[in-house]
Structure formats: C-alpha cells, structure tokens
Amino acid sequence: MVQCKVAVIGGKSVAVSVEKVYNFSLFARTLEGPLKLHLSNVSGINLFTGYGEGYVMVNRQRHAQNLVVLNDSIVTDWQPAGFDELTADDFRRLAELKPEIVLLGTGTRLRFPRPELTRALHEARIGLEVMDIQAACRTYNILAAEERKVAAALLFS
C-alpha cells in the first residue's frame, strides 16, 4: 500500500511525502528456542555466534552476564545492576572505548535510557542505537563485518 500526503501550495496540489507501507503480519512467525548464527569469512574480530534465553555466544564462548563486545575485545566487567540502575558513568565508560556506535541491548524488551544518562556518548559524537539483545547481536555482526568500530553493550538483568 502507498500512502501519500498532499498539500495545496499556490493553488496546486503537491505531494509532500510518499511512503510505502508493507504489511508483514502475513509472513511473520515466532522464533522459538536458541538461534545459531554462522560465522562469515571475517577473521580476527569478535562475532556473535549464537544466542538464547539469558545468554549470548561470542566466538563460540557462552556469556550470561552484562558485557560489552567490541571488534577486538570483550569487556566482562561492565556491571550496571540492571537497566533501571544505569548511570551516566556507565555511558561515560562506553564512550572511553571510542566506538563509532554503541548498540545497547536492553534485555528481552526494548527500553530507552533517559537522555541525561547518554550525554557522554553525544558529546563524544558516538551514535547510540537501543534494541533488544537479539537484535543487538545481529546488528553488531553486520556492522563488524563492514569493519565499523562498533560496541554491543548487553544488559541481561
């Protein structure tokens, strides 16, 4: 379906925005259980190789606690007590890692941090994308394969 918004300017009808709307509900299905991701030919960088209920696998190694995955390292001591306990210092620490973009995996559901908490990322001109953990894993792999300097900060609690 195509939706078009029209405005009248100077007596003429002008399309001011056109967007195509897709209905994927006919094709949607629920993924049950763990998912295994396959490694591509990218070598020397960390990649997510799987995830499931309460864990992720990075280079085939299982992790079930908060962590930050970067192309060349894994930070296992990033320990906010949970999403509701995130502080500006947690984001300042992410900024010190100097990625181009941070993918914040907020658990099994999407939750956005308060803007004042993420100020350090904004001031360092580091992008922030918020998503659930599974989406963060998939997005990280795509960006890492493109040799982007990306950090996936995952909150399990």
N, C-alpha and C. Protein backbone atom coordinates (compact mmCIF):
# COMPACT_ATOMS: atom_id res chain seq x y z
N MET A 1 0.85 -1.15 0.00
CA MET A 1 0.00 0.00 0.00
C MET A 1 0.90 1.23 0.00
N VAL A 2 0.53 2.26 -0.72
CA VAL A 2 1.27 3.51 -0.76
C VAL A 2 0.42 4.59 -0.12
N GLN A 3 1.01 5.34 0.81
CA GLN A 3 0.33 6.45 1.44
C GLN A 3 0.97 7.74 0.96
N CYS A 4 0.17 8.71 0.61
CA CYS A 4 0.68 9.98 0.09
C CYS A 4 0.00 11.12 0.83
N LYS A 5 0.78 12.04 1.35
CA LYS A 5 0.23 13.24 1.98
C LYS A 5 0.34 14.37 0.96
N VAL A 6 -0.74 15.09 0.78
CA VAL A 6 -0.80 16.14 -0.23
C VAL A 6 -1.09 17.47 0.44
N ALA A 7 -0.39 18.52 -0.03
CA ALA A 7 -0.64 19.87 0.45
C ALA A 7 -0.99 20.74 -0.75
N VAL A 8 -1.76 21.78 -0.50
CA VAL A 8 -2.08 22.72 -1.57
C VAL A 8 -1.19 23.94 -1.38
N ILE A 9 -0.31 24.17 -2.37
CA ILE A 9 0.63 25.29 -2.32
C ILE A 9 0.42 26.13 -3.57
N GLY A 10 0.07 27.39 -3.40
CA GLY A 10 -0.15 28.28 -4.54
C GLY A 10 -1.25 27.79 -5.47
N GLY A 11 -2.28 27.16 -4.91
CA GLY A 11 -3.39 26.67 -5.72
C GLY A 11 -3.13 25.35 -6.41
N LYS A 12 -1.92 24.75 -6.21
CA LYS A 12 -1.60 23.46 -6.84
C LYS A 12 -1.45 22.40 -5.76
N SER A 13 -1.90 21.21 -6.07
CA SER A 13 -1.71 20.08 -5.16
C SER A 13 -0.30 19.53 -5.34
N VAL A 14 0.41 19.41 -4.24
CA VAL A 14 1.80 18.94 -4.27
C VAL A 14 1.94 17.81 -3.26
N ALA A 15 2.55 16.70 -3.70
CA ALA A 15 2.83 15.59 -2.77
C ALA A 15 3.96 16.02 -1.86
N VAL A 16 3.71 16.04 -0.55
CA VAL A 16 4.75 16.44 0.39
C VAL A 16 5.46 15.26 1.01
N SER A 17 4.85 14.10 1.00
CA SER A 17 5.54 12.90 1.44
C SER A 17 4.83 11.69 0.87
N VAL A 18 5.63 10.74 0.47
CA VAL A 18 5.10 9.49 -0.05
C VAL A 18 5.83 8.38 0.68
N GLU A 19 5.10 7.43 1.16
CA GLU A 19 5.75 6.30 1.80
C GLU A 19 5.02 5.02 1.46
N LYS A 20 5.81 3.98 1.33
CA LYS A 20 5.25 2.68 1.04
C LYS A 20 5.08 1.96 2.38
N VAL A 21 3.94 1.37 2.60
CA VAL A 21 3.65 0.67 3.84
C VAL A 21 3.48 -0.80 3.53
N TYR A 22 4.25 -1.63 4.21
CA TYR A 22 4.19 -3.06 3.99
C TYR A 22 3.51 -3.73 5.17
N ASN A 23 2.72 -4.71 4.90
CA ASN A 23 2.07 -5.49 5.95
C ASN A 23 2.76 -6.85 6.00
N PHE A 24 3.65 -7.03 6.98
CA PHE A 24 4.39 -8.27 7.09
C PHE A 24 3.70 -9.28 8.00
N SER A 25 2.56 -8.93 8.55
CA SER A 25 1.91 -9.82 9.50
C SER A 25 1.55 -11.16 8.87
N LEU A 26 1.34 -11.19 7.58
CA LEU A 26 1.03 -12.46 6.92
C LEU A 26 2.23 -13.39 6.89
N PHE A 27 3.43 -12.79 6.95
CA PHE A 27 4.65 -13.57 6.83
C PHE A 27 5.36 -13.78 8.16
N ALA A 28 4.88 -13.11 9.20
CA ALA A 28 5.56 -13.15 10.48
C ALA A 28 5.44 -14.53 11.12
N ARG A 29 6.51 -14.90 11.81
CA ARG A 29 6.47 -16.13 12.59
C ARG A 29 7.31 -15.91 13.82
N THR A 30 7.03 -16.65 14.85
CA THR A 30 7.76 -16.51 16.09
C THR A 30 8.89 -17.52 16.12
N LEU A 31 10.08 -17.03 16.44
CA LEU A 31 11.23 -17.92 16.58
C LEU A 31 11.23 -18.45 18.00
N GLU A 32 11.23 -19.73 18.14
CA GLU A 32 11.26 -20.35 19.46
C GLU A 32 12.63 -20.96 19.68
N GLY A 33 13.12 -20.91 20.91
CA GLY A 33 14.37 -21.56 21.26
C GLY A 33 15.59 -20.78 20.82
N PRO A 34 16.77 -21.37 21.07
CA PRO A 34 18.02 -20.68 20.75
C PRO A 34 18.23 -20.58 19.24
N LEU A 35 19.02 -19.59 18.87
CA LEU A 35 19.35 -19.39 17.47
C LEU A 35 20.85 -19.49 17.30
N LYS A 36 21.29 -20.19 16.28
CA LYS A 36 22.71 -20.33 15.99
C LYS A 36 23.02 -19.46 14.79
N LEU A 37 24.02 -18.59 14.94
CA LEU A 37 24.46 -17.75 13.85
C LEU A 37 25.74 -18.34 13.28
N HIS A 38 25.93 -18.26 11.99
CA HIS A 38 27.11 -18.84 11.36
C HIS A 38 28.15 -17.77 11.09
N LEU A 39 29.41 -18.11 11.34
CA LEU A 39 30.49 -17.17 11.10
C LEU A 39 30.69 -16.94 9.61
N SER A 40 31.01 -15.72 9.26
CA SER A 40 31.35 -15.43 7.87
C SER A 40 32.87 -15.53 7.74
N ASN A 41 33.40 -15.05 6.66
CA ASN A 41 34.84 -15.12 6.43
C ASN A 41 35.62 -14.01 7.12
N VAL A 42 34.96 -13.21 7.94
CA VAL A 42 35.64 -12.14 8.64
C VAL A 42 36.50 -12.77 9.73
N SER A 43 37.80 -12.46 9.71
CA SER A 43 38.68 -13.07 10.71
C SER A 43 39.29 -12.00 11.60
N GLY A 44 39.64 -12.41 12.80
CA GLY A 44 40.32 -11.52 13.72
C GLY A 44 39.42 -10.57 14.49
N ILE A 45 38.11 -10.68 14.33
CA ILE A 45 37.21 -9.82 15.11
C ILE A 45 36.21 -10.67 15.87
N ASN A 46 35.69 -10.12 16.93
CA ASN A 46 34.67 -10.82 17.70
C ASN A 46 33.35 -10.79 16.95
N LEU A 47 32.67 -11.93 16.91
CA LEU A 47 31.35 -12.02 16.31
C LEU A 47 30.44 -12.85 17.21
N PHE A 48 29.16 -12.52 17.20
CA PHE A 48 28.19 -13.33 17.92
C PHE A 48 27.93 -14.59 17.10
N THR A 49 28.05 -15.72 17.75
CA THR A 49 27.84 -17.00 17.06
C THR A 49 26.56 -17.68 17.50
N GLY A 50 25.84 -17.08 18.43
CA GLY A 50 24.56 -17.63 18.86
C GLY A 50 24.01 -16.86 20.03
N TYR A 51 22.74 -17.09 20.30
CA TYR A 51 22.11 -16.52 21.49
C TYR A 51 20.88 -17.33 21.83
N GLY A 52 20.45 -17.24 23.06
CA GLY A 52 19.26 -17.93 23.53
C GLY A 52 18.73 -17.23 24.76
N GLU A 53 17.85 -17.88 25.46
CA GLU A 53 17.25 -17.31 26.67
C GLU A 53 18.33 -17.07 27.73
N GLY A 54 18.68 -15.81 27.95
CA GLY A 54 19.61 -15.44 29.02
C GLY A 54 21.08 -15.61 28.71
N TYR A 55 21.47 -15.77 27.46
CA TYR A 55 22.89 -15.87 27.13
C TYR A 55 23.14 -15.46 25.68
N VAL A 56 24.41 -15.16 25.41
CA VAL A 56 24.89 -14.97 24.05
C VAL A 56 26.18 -15.77 23.92
N MET A 57 26.55 -16.06 22.69
CA MET A 57 27.83 -16.72 22.43
C MET A 57 28.65 -15.79 21.53
N VAL A 58 29.87 -15.52 21.95
CA VAL A 58 30.80 -14.71 21.18
C VAL A 58 31.97 -15.62 20.82
N ASN A 59 32.19 -15.79 19.53
CA ASN A 59 33.25 -16.70 19.06
C ASN A 59 33.11 -18.07 19.71
N ARG A 60 31.88 -18.53 19.81
CA ARG A 60 31.51 -19.84 20.36
C ARG A 60 31.71 -19.97 21.87
N GLN A 61 31.94 -18.85 22.55
CA GLN A 61 32.08 -18.87 24.01
C GLN A 61 30.84 -18.24 24.62
N ARG A 62 30.24 -18.95 25.57
CA ARG A 62 28.97 -18.53 26.17
C ARG A 62 29.18 -17.45 27.23
N HIS A 63 28.31 -16.42 27.20
CA HIS A 63 28.32 -15.34 28.18
C HIS A 63 26.88 -15.14 28.65
N ALA A 64 26.70 -15.06 29.99
CA ALA A 64 25.35 -14.90 30.54
C ALA A 64 25.26 -13.73 31.51
N GLN A 65 26.22 -12.79 31.43
CA GLN A 65 26.20 -11.61 32.27
C GLN A 65 26.37 -10.38 31.39
N ASN A 66 26.09 -9.22 31.96
CA ASN A 66 26.29 -7.97 31.22
C ASN A 66 27.70 -7.94 30.65
N LEU A 67 27.82 -7.47 29.41
CA LEU A 67 29.13 -7.36 28.81
C LEU A 67 29.08 -6.37 27.66
N VAL A 68 30.27 -5.95 27.22
CA VAL A 68 30.42 -5.09 26.06
C VAL A 68 31.33 -5.82 25.09
N VAL A 69 30.84 -6.00 23.87
CA VAL A 69 31.62 -6.68 22.84
C VAL A 69 32.07 -5.65 21.82
N LEU A 70 33.37 -5.58 21.60
CA LEU A 70 33.96 -4.71 20.59
C LEU A 70 34.64 -5.59 19.55
N ASN A 71 35.02 -5.01 18.44
CA ASN A 71 35.66 -5.78 17.38
C ASN A 71 36.85 -6.57 17.90
N ASP A 72 37.65 -5.95 18.76
CA ASP A 72 38.92 -6.57 19.16
C ASP A 72 39.00 -6.94 20.64
N SER A 73 37.94 -6.74 21.40
CA SER A 73 37.99 -7.08 22.83
C SER A 73 36.58 -7.30 23.37
N ILE A 74 36.55 -7.92 24.56
CA ILE A 74 35.29 -8.14 25.27
C ILE A 74 35.46 -7.62 26.68
N VAL A 75 34.58 -6.73 27.10
CA VAL A 75 34.62 -6.16 28.44
C VAL A 75 33.59 -6.92 29.27
N THR A 76 34.07 -7.74 30.20
CA THR A 76 33.16 -8.54 31.01
C THR A 76 32.86 -7.90 32.37
N ASP A 77 33.54 -6.80 32.68
CA ASP A 77 33.29 -6.16 33.97
C ASP A 77 32.45 -4.89 33.86
N TRP A 78 31.66 -4.78 32.77
CA TRP A 78 30.69 -3.68 32.66
C TRP A 78 29.47 -4.15 33.44
N GLN A 79 29.31 -3.65 34.64
CA GLN A 79 28.34 -4.25 35.55
C GLN A 79 27.27 -3.31 36.10
N PRO A 80 26.53 -2.62 35.23
CA PRO A 80 25.36 -1.95 35.81
C PRO A 80 24.45 -3.01 36.43
N ALA A 81 23.81 -2.67 37.54
CA ALA A 81 22.97 -3.65 38.24
C ALA A 81 21.74 -4.04 37.42
N GLY A 82 21.40 -3.27 36.41
CA GLY A 82 20.25 -3.55 35.57
C GLY A 82 19.88 -2.29 34.81
N PHE A 83 18.91 -2.39 33.95
CA PHE A 83 18.53 -1.24 33.13
C PHE A 83 18.13 -0.04 33.99
N ASP A 84 17.30 -0.28 34.99
CA ASP A 84 16.81 0.82 35.83
C ASP A 84 17.91 1.46 36.67
N GLU A 85 19.04 0.78 36.81
CA GLU A 85 20.15 1.31 37.60
C GLU A 85 21.27 1.89 36.73
N LEU A 86 21.06 2.01 35.41
CA LEU A 86 22.07 2.61 34.54
C LEU A 86 22.38 4.03 35.01
N THR A 87 23.66 4.40 34.96
CA THR A 87 24.08 5.74 35.37
C THR A 87 24.85 6.41 34.23
N ALA A 88 25.07 7.70 34.38
CA ALA A 88 25.87 8.43 33.40
C ALA A 88 27.28 7.86 33.34
N ASP A 89 27.81 7.36 34.46
CA ASP A 89 29.15 6.76 34.46
C ASP A 89 29.21 5.50 33.60
N ASP A 90 28.13 4.74 33.54
CA ASP A 90 28.11 3.55 32.68
C ASP A 90 28.29 3.97 31.21
N PHE A 91 27.63 5.04 30.81
CA PHE A 91 27.75 5.51 29.44
C PHE A 91 29.08 6.23 29.21
N ARG A 92 29.60 6.88 30.22
CA ARG A 92 30.92 7.50 30.12
C ARG A 92 31.98 6.43 29.87
N ARG A 93 31.83 5.31 30.54
CA ARG A 93 32.78 4.21 30.34
C ARG A 93 32.68 3.67 28.91
N LEU A 94 31.48 3.59 28.37
CA LEU A 94 31.32 3.17 26.98
C LEU A 94 31.98 4.17 26.03
N ALA A 95 31.84 5.46 26.31
CA ALA A 95 32.46 6.49 25.46
C ALA A 95 33.98 6.38 25.47
N GLU A 96 34.56 6.00 26.60
CA GLU A 96 36.01 5.85 26.70
C GLU A 96 36.55 4.74 25.80
N LEU A 97 35.69 3.81 25.39
CA LEU A 97 36.10 2.73 24.49
C LEU A 97 36.24 3.23 23.05
N LYS A 98 35.71 4.40 22.76
CA LYS A 98 35.81 5.10 21.48
C LYS A 98 35.26 4.33 20.27
N PRO A 99 34.06 3.75 20.40
CA PRO A 99 33.45 3.15 19.20
C PRO A 99 32.81 4.25 18.34
N GLU A 100 32.45 3.90 17.11
CA GLU A 100 31.66 4.82 16.28
C GLU A 100 30.21 4.83 16.74
N ILE A 101 29.76 3.64 17.17
CA ILE A 101 28.36 3.47 17.54
C ILE A 101 28.26 2.45 18.66
N VAL A 102 27.32 2.67 19.58
CA VAL A 102 27.02 1.72 20.65
C VAL A 102 25.64 1.15 20.39
N LEU A 103 25.56 -0.17 20.39
CA LEU A 103 24.28 -0.87 20.31
C LEU A 103 23.94 -1.31 21.73
N LEU A 104 22.93 -0.71 22.32
CA LEU A 104 22.55 -1.04 23.70
C LEU A 104 21.46 -2.09 23.66
N GLY A 105 21.80 -3.30 24.06
CA GLY A 105 20.83 -4.39 24.16
C GLY A 105 20.21 -4.37 25.54
N THR A 106 18.91 -4.08 25.60
CA THR A 106 18.24 -3.84 26.89
C THR A 106 17.48 -5.06 27.40
N GLY A 107 17.97 -6.24 27.10
CA GLY A 107 17.30 -7.45 27.57
C GLY A 107 16.34 -7.98 26.54
N THR A 108 15.24 -8.54 27.01
CA THR A 108 14.26 -9.14 26.09
C THR A 108 13.25 -8.15 25.56
N ARG A 109 13.26 -6.93 26.11
CA ARG A 109 12.33 -5.92 25.60
C ARG A 109 13.07 -4.59 25.42
N LEU A 110 12.54 -3.79 24.56
CA LEU A 110 13.13 -2.51 24.21
C LEU A 110 12.81 -1.46 25.27
N ARG A 111 13.87 -0.86 25.83
CA ARG A 111 13.70 0.21 26.82
C ARG A 111 14.75 1.29 26.51
N PHE A 112 14.35 2.54 26.57
CA PHE A 112 15.24 3.64 26.24
C PHE A 112 15.76 4.32 27.49
N PRO A 113 17.09 4.54 27.57
CA PRO A 113 17.64 5.25 28.73
C PRO A 113 17.29 6.74 28.67
N ARG A 114 17.26 7.38 29.82
CA ARG A 114 17.00 8.81 29.88
C ARG A 114 18.13 9.56 29.17
N PRO A 115 17.82 10.61 28.41
CA PRO A 115 18.84 11.34 27.64
C PRO A 115 20.00 11.87 28.47
N GLU A 116 19.74 12.29 29.70
CA GLU A 116 20.83 12.83 30.51
C GLU A 116 21.89 11.77 30.83
N LEU A 117 21.50 10.49 30.80
CA LEU A 117 22.46 9.42 31.06
C LEU A 117 23.42 9.23 29.89
N THR A 118 22.96 9.48 28.69
CA THR A 118 23.74 9.19 27.48
C THR A 118 24.53 10.40 26.98
N ARG A 119 24.56 11.45 27.75
CA ARG A 119 25.23 12.69 27.34
C ARG A 119 26.69 12.46 26.93
N ALA A 120 27.42 11.61 27.63
CA ALA A 120 28.84 11.36 27.31
C ALA A 120 28.99 10.83 25.89
N LEU A 121 28.07 9.98 25.46
CA LEU A 121 28.14 9.47 24.09
C LEU A 121 27.87 10.59 23.09
N HIS A 122 26.87 11.40 23.37
CA HIS A 122 26.53 12.51 22.48
C HIS A 122 27.70 13.49 22.36
N GLU A 123 28.29 13.85 23.50
CA GLU A 123 29.41 14.80 23.49
C GLU A 123 30.62 14.25 22.75
N ALA A 124 30.81 12.92 22.77
CA ALA A 124 31.92 12.28 22.06
C ALA A 124 31.56 11.98 20.60
N ARG A 125 30.34 12.37 20.19
CA ARG A 125 29.86 12.13 18.83
C ARG A 125 29.83 10.64 18.49
N ILE A 126 29.38 9.86 19.47
CA ILE A 126 29.23 8.41 19.31
C ILE A 126 27.74 8.11 19.20
N GLY A 127 27.36 7.39 18.15
CA GLY A 127 25.96 7.05 17.95
C GLY A 127 25.47 6.03 18.97
N LEU A 128 24.19 6.05 19.25
CA LEU A 128 23.58 5.11 20.18
C LEU A 128 22.31 4.57 19.53
N GLU A 129 22.23 3.25 19.46
CA GLU A 129 21.02 2.58 18.99
C GLU A 129 20.58 1.64 20.10
N VAL A 130 19.30 1.69 20.44
CA VAL A 130 18.76 0.87 21.52
C VAL A 130 17.87 -0.20 20.91
N MET A 131 18.06 -1.45 21.36
CA MET A 131 17.30 -2.58 20.83
C MET A 131 17.34 -3.71 21.84
N ASP A 132 16.59 -4.78 21.57
CA ASP A 132 16.69 -5.94 22.46
C ASP A 132 18.02 -6.66 22.17
N ILE A 133 18.38 -7.59 23.03
CA ILE A 133 19.69 -8.24 22.91
C ILE A 133 19.84 -8.98 21.58
N GLN A 134 18.82 -9.70 21.16
CA GLN A 134 18.93 -10.46 19.92
C GLN A 134 19.18 -9.55 18.72
N ALA A 135 18.46 -8.45 18.63
CA ALA A 135 18.66 -7.50 17.54
C ALA A 135 20.05 -6.88 17.62
N ALA A 136 20.53 -6.61 18.83
CA ALA A 136 21.87 -6.04 19.00
C ALA A 136 22.93 -7.01 18.48
N CYS A 137 22.77 -8.30 18.74
CA CYS A 137 23.72 -9.30 18.24
C CYS A 137 23.75 -9.32 16.72
N ARG A 138 22.59 -9.37 16.11
CA ARG A 138 22.52 -9.41 14.64
C ARG A 138 23.08 -8.14 14.01
N THR A 139 22.71 -6.99 14.58
CA THR A 139 23.17 -5.71 14.03
C THR A 139 24.68 -5.57 14.21
N TYR A 140 25.19 -5.98 15.37
CA TYR A 140 26.63 -5.93 15.62
C TYR A 140 27.38 -6.71 14.54
N ASN A 141 26.95 -7.94 14.26
CA ASN A 141 27.64 -8.77 13.28
C ASN A 141 27.70 -8.10 11.91
N ILE A 142 26.61 -7.46 11.52
CA ILE A 142 26.58 -6.79 10.22
C ILE A 142 27.57 -5.63 10.20
N LEU A 143 27.54 -4.79 11.24
CA LEU A 143 28.43 -3.63 11.28
C LEU A 143 29.89 -4.05 11.43
N ALA A 144 30.16 -5.07 12.24
CA ALA A 144 31.53 -5.54 12.41
C ALA A 144 32.08 -6.11 11.10
N ALA A 145 31.23 -6.82 10.34
CA ALA A 145 31.65 -7.37 9.05
C ALA A 145 31.98 -6.25 8.06
N GLU A 146 31.37 -5.08 8.24
CA GLU A 146 31.67 -3.92 7.40
C GLU A 146 32.87 -3.15 7.93
N GLU A 147 33.55 -3.71 8.94
CA GLU A 147 34.73 -3.12 9.57
C GLU A 147 34.43 -1.79 10.25
N ARG A 148 33.21 -1.65 10.76
CA ARG A 148 32.85 -0.48 11.55
C ARG A 148 33.31 -0.72 12.99
N LYS A 149 33.69 0.34 13.67
CA LYS A 149 34.11 0.24 15.07
C LYS A 149 32.85 0.33 15.93
N VAL A 150 32.32 -0.83 16.29
CA VAL A 150 31.03 -0.93 16.95
C VAL A 150 31.20 -1.58 18.32
N ALA A 151 30.35 -1.18 19.26
CA ALA A 151 30.32 -1.80 20.59
C ALA A 151 28.89 -2.26 20.86
N ALA A 152 28.74 -3.52 21.26
CA ALA A 152 27.44 -4.04 21.68
C ALA A 152 27.48 -4.13 23.20
N ALA A 153 26.71 -3.28 23.87
CA ALA A 153 26.63 -3.27 25.33
C ALA A 153 25.34 -3.98 25.71
N LEU A 154 25.48 -5.15 26.30
CA LEU A 154 24.31 -6.01 26.55
C LEU A 154 23.99 -6.10 28.03
N LEU A 155 22.71 -5.85 28.34
CA LEU A 155 22.20 -5.94 29.70
C LEU A 155 21.33 -7.18 29.84
N PHE A 156 21.74 -8.11 30.67
CA PHE A 156 20.95 -9.33 30.89
C PHE A 156 20.02 -9.18 32.07
N SER A 157 20.32 -8.26 32.99
CA SER A 157 19.48 -8.12 34.18
C SER A 157 18.51 -6.98 34.05
